Amino acid sequence: MRNLKLTADLLEKEKGAVVGELRRHMDSPAGLAFDEVHKLSFTVAPYRWTVLGSEQEIKGFTLEEAQYFYKTFYAPTMPL
C-alpha cells in the first residue's frame, strides 16, 4: 500500500467492484440472513452494520474521503 496513487478513475473502478460485491451478497439468502441476525443480535455494538455499507454510501464516497482514509489508516508511518 506504499505510494498508492488514488485517482478519480481508480476510485470509480473500485467503487464499481465493491458495489458488485454488495449486490452478490444481497442476492444470497445466506448473506441476507447473516445481516439480519447481526442486526437483531447487536442492538448497540457496531457489528450490526454491514462491512460494505449501502450502495448509496459506496457510490457517494469521494476521492477526498478516500485519500483521507488512506493517509489516516493505511499509509506507512515509518520508512522501510
PDB file of N, CA and C in Angstrom:
ATOM      1  N   MET A   1       0.810  -1.198   0.000  1.00  0.00           N
ATOM      2  CA  MET A   1       0.000   0.000   0.000  1.00  0.00           C
ATOM      3  C   MET A   1       0.854   1.262   0.000  1.00  0.00           C
ATOM      4  N   ARG A   2       2.152   1.112  -0.017  1.00  0.00           N
ATOM      5  CA  ARG A   2       3.019   2.277  -0.030  1.00  0.00           C
ATOM      6  C   ARG A   2       2.914   2.987  -1.383  1.00  0.00           C
ATOM      7  N   ASN A   3       2.830   4.314  -1.329  1.00  0.00           N
ATOM      8  CA  ASN A   3       2.816   5.164  -2.528  1.00  0.00           C
ATOM      9  C   ASN A   3       1.606   4.925  -3.419  1.00  0.00           C
ATOM     10  N   LEU A   4       0.469   4.621  -2.826  1.00  0.00           N
ATOM     11  CA  LEU A   4      -0.750   4.430  -3.593  1.00  0.00           C
ATOM     12  C   LEU A   4      -1.129   5.744  -4.281  1.00  0.00           C
ATOM     13  N   LYS A   5      -1.439   5.670  -5.540  1.00  0.00           N
ATOM     14  CA  LYS A   5      -1.875   6.843  -6.313  1.00  0.00           C
ATOM     15  C   LYS A   5      -3.388   6.773  -6.481  1.00  0.00           C
ATOM     16  N   LEU A   6      -4.097   7.447  -5.611  1.00  0.00           N
ATOM     17  CA  LEU A   6      -5.552   7.465  -5.684  1.00  0.00           C
ATOM     18  C   LEU A   6      -5.993   8.522  -6.687  1.00  0.00           C
ATOM     19  N   THR A   7      -6.658   8.071  -7.722  1.00  0.00           N
ATOM     20  CA  THR A   7      -7.185   8.986  -8.738  1.00  0.00           C
ATOM     21  C   THR A   7      -8.697   8.796  -8.833  1.00  0.00           C
ATOM     22  N   ALA A   8      -9.362   9.730  -9.458  1.00  0.00           N
ATOM     23  CA  ALA A   8     -10.813   9.642  -9.631  1.00  0.00           C
ATOM     24  C   ALA A   8     -11.187   8.403 -10.433  1.00  0.00           C
ATOM     25  N   ASP A   9     -10.431   8.105 -11.496  1.00  0.00           N
ATOM     26  CA  ASP A   9     -10.719   6.929 -12.324  1.00  0.00           C
ATOM     27  C   ASP A   9     -10.567   5.638 -11.521  1.00  0.00           C
ATOM     28  N   LEU A  10      -9.493   5.532 -10.759  1.00  0.00           N
ATOM     29  CA  LEU A  10      -9.255   4.339  -9.947  1.00  0.00           C
ATOM     30  C   LEU A  10     -10.353   4.184  -8.899  1.00  0.00           C
ATOM     31  N   LEU A  11     -10.725   5.268  -8.254  1.00  0.00           N
ATOM     32  CA  LEU A  11     -11.760   5.207  -7.227  1.00  0.00           C
ATOM     33  C   LEU A  11     -13.089   4.745  -7.823  1.00  0.00           C
ATOM     34  N   GLU A  12     -13.465   5.270  -8.968  1.00  0.00           N
ATOM     35  CA  GLU A  12     -14.731   4.864  -9.601  1.00  0.00           C
ATOM     36  C   GLU A  12     -14.707   3.387  -9.967  1.00  0.00           C
ATOM     37  N   LYS A  13     -13.580   2.910 -10.466  1.00  0.00           N
ATOM     38  CA  LYS A  13     -13.442   1.489 -10.818  1.00  0.00           C
ATOM     39  C   LYS A  13     -13.600   0.625  -9.567  1.00  0.00           C
ATOM     40  N   GLU A  14     -12.958   1.008  -8.489  1.00  0.00           N
ATOM     41  CA  GLU A  14     -13.025   0.231  -7.249  1.00  0.00           C
ATOM     42  C   GLU A  14     -14.408   0.305  -6.615  1.00  0.00           C
ATOM     43  N   LYS A  15     -15.059   1.460  -6.692  1.00  0.00           N
ATOM     44  CA  LYS A  15     -16.421   1.569  -6.168  1.00  0.00           C
ATOM     45  C   LYS A  15     -17.346   0.627  -6.933  1.00  0.00           C
ATOM     46  N   GLY A  16     -17.148   0.508  -8.237  1.00  0.00           N
ATOM     47  CA  GLY A  16     -17.947  -0.425  -9.040  1.00  0.00           C
ATOM     48  C   GLY A  16     -17.739  -1.866  -8.595  1.00  0.00           C
ATOM     49  N   ALA A  17     -16.504  -2.216  -8.286  1.00  0.00           N
ATOM     50  CA  ALA A  17     -16.209  -3.571  -7.813  1.00  0.00           C
ATOM     51  C   ALA A  17     -16.871  -3.835  -6.461  1.00  0.00           C
ATOM     52  N   VAL A  18     -16.831  -2.856  -5.567  1.00  0.00           N
ATOM     53  CA  VAL A  18     -17.430  -3.028  -4.243  1.00  0.00           C
ATOM     54  C   VAL A  18     -18.954  -3.113  -4.352  1.00  0.00           C
ATOM     55  N   VAL A  19     -19.552  -2.319  -5.211  1.00  0.00           N
ATOM     56  CA  VAL A  19     -20.997  -2.399  -5.419  1.00  0.00           C
ATOM     57  C   VAL A  19     -21.353  -3.789  -5.952  1.00  0.00           C
ATOM     58  N   GLY A  20     -20.554  -4.335  -6.836  1.00  0.00           N
ATOM     59  CA  GLY A  20     -20.775  -5.696  -7.342  1.00  0.00           C
ATOM     60  C   GLY A  20     -20.724  -6.722  -6.225  1.00  0.00           C
ATOM     61  N   GLU A  21     -19.755  -6.593  -5.324  1.00  0.00           N
ATOM     62  CA  GLU A  21     -19.664  -7.498  -4.180  1.00  0.00           C
ATOM     63  C   GLU A  21     -20.897  -7.363  -3.293  1.00  0.00           C
ATOM     64  N   LEU A  22     -21.331  -6.137  -3.059  1.00  0.00           N
ATOM     65  CA  LEU A  22     -22.510  -5.910  -2.228  1.00  0.00           C
ATOM     66  C   LEU A  22     -23.746  -6.542  -2.861  1.00  0.00           C
ATOM     67  N   ARG A  23     -23.912  -6.377  -4.151  1.00  0.00           N
ATOM     68  CA  ARG A  23     -25.080  -6.953  -4.835  1.00  0.00           C
ATOM     69  C   ARG A  23     -25.067  -8.476  -4.771  1.00  0.00           C
ATOM     70  N   ARG A  24     -23.879  -9.096  -4.928  1.00  0.00           N
ATOM     71  CA  ARG A  24     -23.780 -10.548  -4.796  1.00  0.00           C
ATOM     72  C   ARG A  24     -24.188 -10.981  -3.395  1.00  0.00           C
ATOM     73  N   HIS A  25     -23.737 -10.236  -2.404  1.00  0.00           N
ATOM     74  CA  HIS A  25     -24.080 -10.535  -1.011  1.00  0.00           C
ATOM     75  C   HIS A  25     -25.584 -10.405  -0.794  1.00  0.00           C
ATOM     76  N   MET A  26     -26.180  -9.359  -1.328  1.00  0.00           N
ATOM     77  CA  MET A  26     -27.612  -9.106  -1.131  1.00  0.00           C
ATOM     78  C   MET A  26     -28.477 -10.097  -1.913  1.00  0.00           C
ATOM     79  N   ASP A  27     -27.924 -10.713  -2.949  1.00  0.00           N
ATOM     80  CA  ASP A  27     -28.659 -11.716  -3.728  1.00  0.00           C
ATOM     81  C   ASP A  27     -28.599 -13.096  -3.077  1.00  0.00           C
ATOM     82  N   SER A  28     -27.845 -13.221  -2.015  1.00  0.00           N
ATOM     83  CA  SER A  28     -27.662 -14.510  -1.342  1.00  0.00           C
ATOM     84  C   SER A  28     -28.579 -14.593  -0.126  1.00  0.00           C
ATOM     85  N   PRO A  29     -29.434 -15.609  -0.063  1.00  0.00           N
ATOM     86  CA  PRO A  29     -30.261 -15.767   1.136  1.00  0.00           C
ATOM     87  C   PRO A  29     -29.413 -15.893   2.412  1.00  0.00           C
ATOM     88  N   ALA A  30     -28.289 -16.568   2.320  1.00  0.00           N
ATOM     89  CA  ALA A  30     -27.409 -16.710   3.488  1.00  0.00           C
ATOM     90  C   ALA A  30     -26.839 -15.347   3.885  1.00  0.00           C
ATOM     91  N   GLY A  31     -26.469 -14.533   2.922  1.00  0.00           N
ATOM     92  CA  GLY A  31     -25.945 -13.202   3.211  1.00  0.00           C
ATOM     93  C   GLY A  31     -26.979 -12.319   3.883  1.00  0.00           C
ATOM     94  N   LEU A  32     -28.203 -12.378   3.374  1.00  0.00           N
ATOM     95  CA  LEU A  32     -29.285 -11.588   3.969  1.00  0.00           C
ATOM     96  C   LEU A  32     -29.597 -12.069   5.387  1.00  0.00           C
ATOM     97  N   ALA A  33     -29.591 -13.393   5.583  1.00  0.00           N
ATOM     98  CA  ALA A  33     -29.851 -13.936   6.915  1.00  0.00           C
ATOM     99  C   ALA A  33     -28.753 -13.528   7.888  1.00  0.00           C
ATOM    100  N   PHE A  34     -27.499 -13.584   7.433  1.00  0.00           N
ATOM    101  CA  PHE A  34     -26.367 -13.187   8.270  1.00  0.00           C
ATOM    102  C   PHE A  34     -26.525 -11.732   8.718  1.00  0.00           C
ATOM    103  N   ASP A  35     -26.874 -10.867   7.784  1.00  0.00           N
ATOM    104  CA  ASP A  35     -27.062  -9.447   8.107  1.00  0.00           C
ATOM    105  C   ASP A  35     -28.202  -9.259   9.107  1.00  0.00           C
ATOM    106  N   GLU A  36     -29.296  -9.983   8.898  1.00  0.00           N
ATOM    107  CA  GLU A  36     -30.454  -9.836   9.787  1.00  0.00           C
ATOM    108  C   GLU A  36     -30.140 -10.346  11.198  1.00  0.00           C
ATOM    109  N   VAL A  37     -29.421 -11.454  11.290  1.00  0.00           N
ATOM    110  CA  VAL A  37     -29.039 -11.976  12.607  1.00  0.00           C
ATOM    111  C   VAL A  37     -28.161 -10.963  13.339  1.00  0.00           C
ATOM    112  N   HIS A  38     -27.222 -10.386  12.641  1.00  0.00           N
ATOM    113  CA  HIS A  38     -26.365  -9.384  13.282  1.00  0.00           C
ATOM    114  C   HIS A  38     -27.160  -8.140  13.703  1.00  0.00           C
ATOM    115  N   LYS A  39     -28.083  -7.715  12.855  1.00  0.00           N
ATOM    116  CA  LYS A  39     -28.884  -6.535  13.172  1.00  0.00           C
ATOM    117  C   LYS A  39     -29.719  -6.775  14.441  1.00  0.00           C
ATOM    118  N   LEU A  40     -30.247  -8.001  14.585  1.00  0.00           N
ATOM    119  CA  LEU A  40     -31.067  -8.329  15.754  1.00  0.00           C
ATOM    120  C   LEU A  40     -30.228  -8.639  16.989  1.00  0.00           C
ATOM    121  N   SER A  41     -29.059  -9.204  16.795  1.00  0.00           N
ATOM    122  CA  SER A  41     -28.210  -9.625  17.922  1.00  0.00           C
ATOM    123  C   SER A  41     -27.435  -8.472  18.544  1.00  0.00           C
ATOM    124  N   PHE A  42     -26.970  -7.587  17.713  1.00  0.00           N
ATOM    125  CA  PHE A  42     -26.129  -6.487  18.188  1.00  0.00           C
ATOM    126  C   PHE A  42     -26.909  -5.180  18.069  1.00  0.00           C
ATOM    127  N   THR A  43     -27.683  -4.876  19.091  1.00  0.00           N
ATOM    128  CA  THR A  43     -28.535  -3.692  19.010  1.00  0.00           C
ATOM    129  C   THR A  43     -27.787  -2.402  19.293  1.00  0.00           C
ATOM    130  N   VAL A  44     -26.634  -2.500  19.957  1.00  0.00           N
ATOM    131  CA  VAL A  44     -25.864  -1.310  20.285  1.00  0.00           C
ATOM    132  C   VAL A  44     -24.496  -1.341  19.595  1.00  0.00           C
ATOM    133  N   ALA A  45     -23.855  -2.492  19.575  1.00  0.00           N
ATOM    134  CA  ALA A  45     -22.499  -2.626  19.022  1.00  0.00           C
ATOM    135  C   ALA A  45     -22.492  -2.365  17.514  1.00  0.00           C
ATOM    136  N   PRO A  46     -21.394  -1.866  16.999  1.00  0.00           N
ATOM    137  CA  PRO A  46     -21.315  -1.575  15.562  1.00  0.00           C
ATOM    138  C   PRO A  46     -21.343  -2.813  14.674  1.00  0.00           C
ATOM    139  N   TYR A  47     -21.281  -4.012  15.256  1.00  0.00           N
ATOM    140  CA  TYR A  47     -21.339  -5.238  14.454  1.00  0.00           C
ATOM    141  C   TYR A  47     -22.676  -5.386  13.738  1.00  0.00           C
ATOM    142  N   ARG A  48     -23.657  -4.596  14.123  1.00  0.00           N
ATOM    143  CA  ARG A  48     -24.958  -4.721  13.486  1.00  0.00           C
ATOM    144  C   ARG A  48     -24.937  -4.171  12.059  1.00  0.00           C
ATOM    145  N   TRP A  49     -23.947  -3.372  11.711  1.00  0.00           N
ATOM    146  CA  TRP A  49     -23.868  -2.778  10.370  1.00  0.00           C
ATOM    147  C   TRP A  49     -22.966  -3.621   9.474  1.00  0.00           C
ATOM    148  N   THR A  50     -23.316  -3.723   8.205  1.00  0.00           N
ATOM    149  CA  THR A  50     -22.506  -4.490   7.264  1.00  0.00           C
ATOM    150  C   THR A  50     -21.160  -3.795   7.037  1.00  0.00           C
ATOM    151  N   VAL A  51     -20.173  -4.578   6.701  1.00  0.00           N
ATOM    152  CA  VAL A  51     -18.831  -4.039   6.457  1.00  0.00           C
ATOM    153  C   VAL A  51     -18.811  -3.159   5.209  1.00  0.00           C
ATOM    154  N   LEU A  52     -19.539  -3.565   4.190  1.00  0.00           N
ATOM    155  CA  LEU A  52     -19.513  -2.839   2.926  1.00  0.00           C
ATOM    156  C   LEU A  52     -20.342  -1.566   2.943  1.00  0.00           C
ATOM    157  N   GLY A  53     -21.316  -1.465   3.824  1.00  0.00           N
ATOM    158  CA  GLY A  53     -22.196  -0.308   3.826  1.00  0.00           C
ATOM    159  C   GLY A  53     -23.303  -0.480   2.808  1.00  0.00           C
ATOM    160  N   SER A  54     -23.947   0.600   2.461  1.00  0.00           N
ATOM    161  CA  SER A  54     -25.029   0.549   1.478  1.00  0.00           C
ATOM    162  C   SER A  54     -24.492   0.988   0.109  1.00  0.00           C
ATOM    163  N   GLU A  55     -25.260   0.674  -0.918  1.00  0.00           N
ATOM    164  CA  GLU A  55     -24.849   1.077  -2.268  1.00  0.00           C
ATOM    165  C   GLU A  55     -24.752   2.599  -2.364  1.00  0.00           C
ATOM    166  N   GLN A  56     -25.665   3.284  -1.718  1.00  0.00           N
ATOM    167  CA  GLN A  56     -25.650   4.749  -1.730  1.00  0.00           C
ATOM    168  C   GLN A  56     -24.372   5.283  -1.071  1.00  0.00           C
ATOM    169  N   GLU A  57     -23.969   4.680   0.054  1.00  0.00           N
ATOM    170  CA  GLU A  57     -22.750   5.115   0.735  1.00  0.00           C
ATOM    171  C   GLU A  57     -21.512   4.863  -0.124  1.00  0.00           C
ATOM    172  N   ILE A  58     -21.476   3.700  -0.754  1.00  0.00           N
ATOM    173  CA  ILE A  58     -20.326   3.351  -1.600  1.00  0.00           C
ATOM    174  C   ILE A  58     -20.217   4.333  -2.764  1.00  0.00           C
ATOM    175  N   LYS A  59     -21.317   4.546  -3.450  1.00  0.00           N
ATOM    176  CA  LYS A  59     -21.307   5.444  -4.615  1.00  0.00           C
ATOM    177  C   LYS A  59     -21.020   6.886  -4.224  1.00  0.00           C
ATOM    178  N   GLY A  60     -21.361   7.263  -2.989  1.00  0.00           N
ATOM    179  CA  GLY A  60     -21.149   8.634  -2.535  1.00  0.00           C
ATOM    180  C   GLY A  60     -19.762   8.904  -1.973  1.00  0.00           C
ATOM    181  N   PHE A  61     -18.931   7.870  -1.843  1.00  0.00           N
ATOM    182  CA  PHE A  61     -17.580   8.018  -1.294  1.00  0.00           C
ATOM    183  C   PHE A  61     -16.746   8.871  -2.241  1.00  0.00           C
ATOM    184  N   THR A  62     -16.177   9.959  -1.753  1.00  0.00           N
ATOM    185  CA  THR A  62     -15.454  10.895  -2.614  1.00  0.00           C
ATOM    186  C   THR A  62     -13.947  10.589  -2.635  1.00  0.00           C
ATOM    187  N   LEU A  63     -13.284  11.146  -3.612  1.00  0.00           N
ATOM    188  CA  LEU A  63     -11.840  10.997  -3.721  1.00  0.00           C
ATOM    189  C   LEU A  63     -11.153  11.581  -2.489  1.00  0.00           C
ATOM    190  N   GLU A  64     -11.630  12.704  -2.013  1.00  0.00           N
ATOM    191  CA  GLU A  64     -11.043  13.329  -0.826  1.00  0.00           C
ATOM    192  C   GLU A  64     -11.197  12.433   0.403  1.00  0.00           C
ATOM    193  N   GLU A  65     -12.357  11.807   0.551  1.00  0.00           N
ATOM    194  CA  GLU A  65     -12.568  10.882   1.674  1.00  0.00           C
ATOM    195  C   GLU A  65     -11.649   9.676   1.568  1.00  0.00           C
ATOM    196  N   ALA A  66     -11.484   9.156   0.353  1.00  0.00           N
ATOM    197  CA  ALA A  66     -10.607   8.008   0.144  1.00  0.00           C
ATOM    198  C   ALA A  66      -9.153   8.370   0.465  1.00  0.00           C
ATOM    199  N   GLN A  67      -8.720   9.531   0.035  1.00  0.00           N
ATOM    200  CA  GLN A  67      -7.350   9.966   0.318  1.00  0.00           C
ATOM    201  C   GLN A  67      -7.138  10.166   1.811  1.00  0.00           C
ATOM    202  N   TYR A  68      -8.105  10.745   2.494  1.00  0.00           N
ATOM    203  CA  TYR A  68      -8.010  10.925   3.940  1.00  0.00           C
ATOM    204  C   TYR A  68      -7.946   9.574   4.645  1.00  0.00           C
ATOM    205  N   PHE A  69      -8.816   8.649   4.248  1.00  0.00           N
ATOM    206  CA  PHE A  69      -8.844   7.329   4.870  1.00  0.00           C
ATOM    207  C   PHE A  69      -7.511   6.613   4.672  1.00  0.00           C
ATOM    208  N   TYR A  70      -6.989   6.657   3.457  1.00  0.00           N
ATOM    209  CA  TYR A  70      -5.694   6.029   3.167  1.00  0.00           C
ATOM    210  C   TYR A  70      -4.596   6.647   4.022  1.00  0.00           C
ATOM    211  N   LYS A  71      -4.529   7.949   4.032  1.00  0.00           N
ATOM    212  CA  LYS A  71      -3.476   8.642   4.778  1.00  0.00           C
ATOM    213  C   LYS A  71      -3.578   8.365   6.279  1.00  0.00           C
ATOM    214  N   THR A  72      -4.807   8.281   6.788  1.00  0.00           N
ATOM    215  CA  THR A  72      -5.024   8.097   8.220  1.00  0.00           C
ATOM    216  C   THR A  72      -4.835   6.646   8.666  1.00  0.00           C
ATOM    217  N   PHE A  73      -5.288   5.685   7.870  1.00  0.00           N
ATOM    218  CA  PHE A  73      -5.331   4.303   8.322  1.00  0.00           C
ATOM    219  C   PHE A  73      -4.428   3.333   7.577  1.00  0.00           C
ATOM    220  N   TYR A  74      -3.941   3.666   6.389  1.00  0.00           N
ATOM    221  CA  TYR A  74      -3.178   2.702   5.608  1.00  0.00           C
ATOM    222  C   TYR A  74      -1.749   3.117   5.287  1.00  0.00           C
ATOM    223  N   ALA A  75      -1.492   4.383   5.165  1.00  0.00           N
ATOM    224  CA  ALA A  75      -0.172   4.823   4.748  1.00  0.00           C
ATOM    225  C   ALA A  75       0.870   4.441   5.792  1.00  0.00           C
ATOM    226  N   PRO A  76       1.970   3.855   5.368  1.00  0.00           N
ATOM    227  CA  PRO A  76       3.037   3.525   6.332  1.00  0.00           C
ATOM    228  C   PRO A  76       3.532   4.789   7.013  1.00  0.00           C
ATOM    229  N   THR A  77       3.819   4.692   8.299  1.00  0.00           N
ATOM    230  CA  THR A  77       4.299   5.852   9.045  1.00  0.00           C
ATOM    231  C   THR A  77       5.800   5.822   9.218  1.00  0.00           C
ATOM    232  N   MET A  78       6.412   4.683   8.978  1.00  0.00           N
ATOM    233  CA  MET A  78       7.858   4.566   9.149  1.00  0.00           C
ATOM    234  C   MET A  78       8.491   4.190   7.808  1.00  0.00           C
ATOM    235  N   PRO A  79       9.629   4.764   7.493  1.00  0.00           N
ATOM    236  CA  PRO A  79      10.292   4.403   6.228  1.00  0.00           C
ATOM    237  C   PRO A  79      10.771   2.958   6.281  1.00  0.00           C
ATOM    238  N   LEU A  80      10.772   2.336   5.112  1.00  0.00           N
ATOM    239  CA  LEU A  80      11.267   0.942   5.022  1.00  0.00           C
ATOM    240  C   LEU A  80      12.766   0.894   5.038  1.00  0.00           C
TER     241      LEU A  80
END
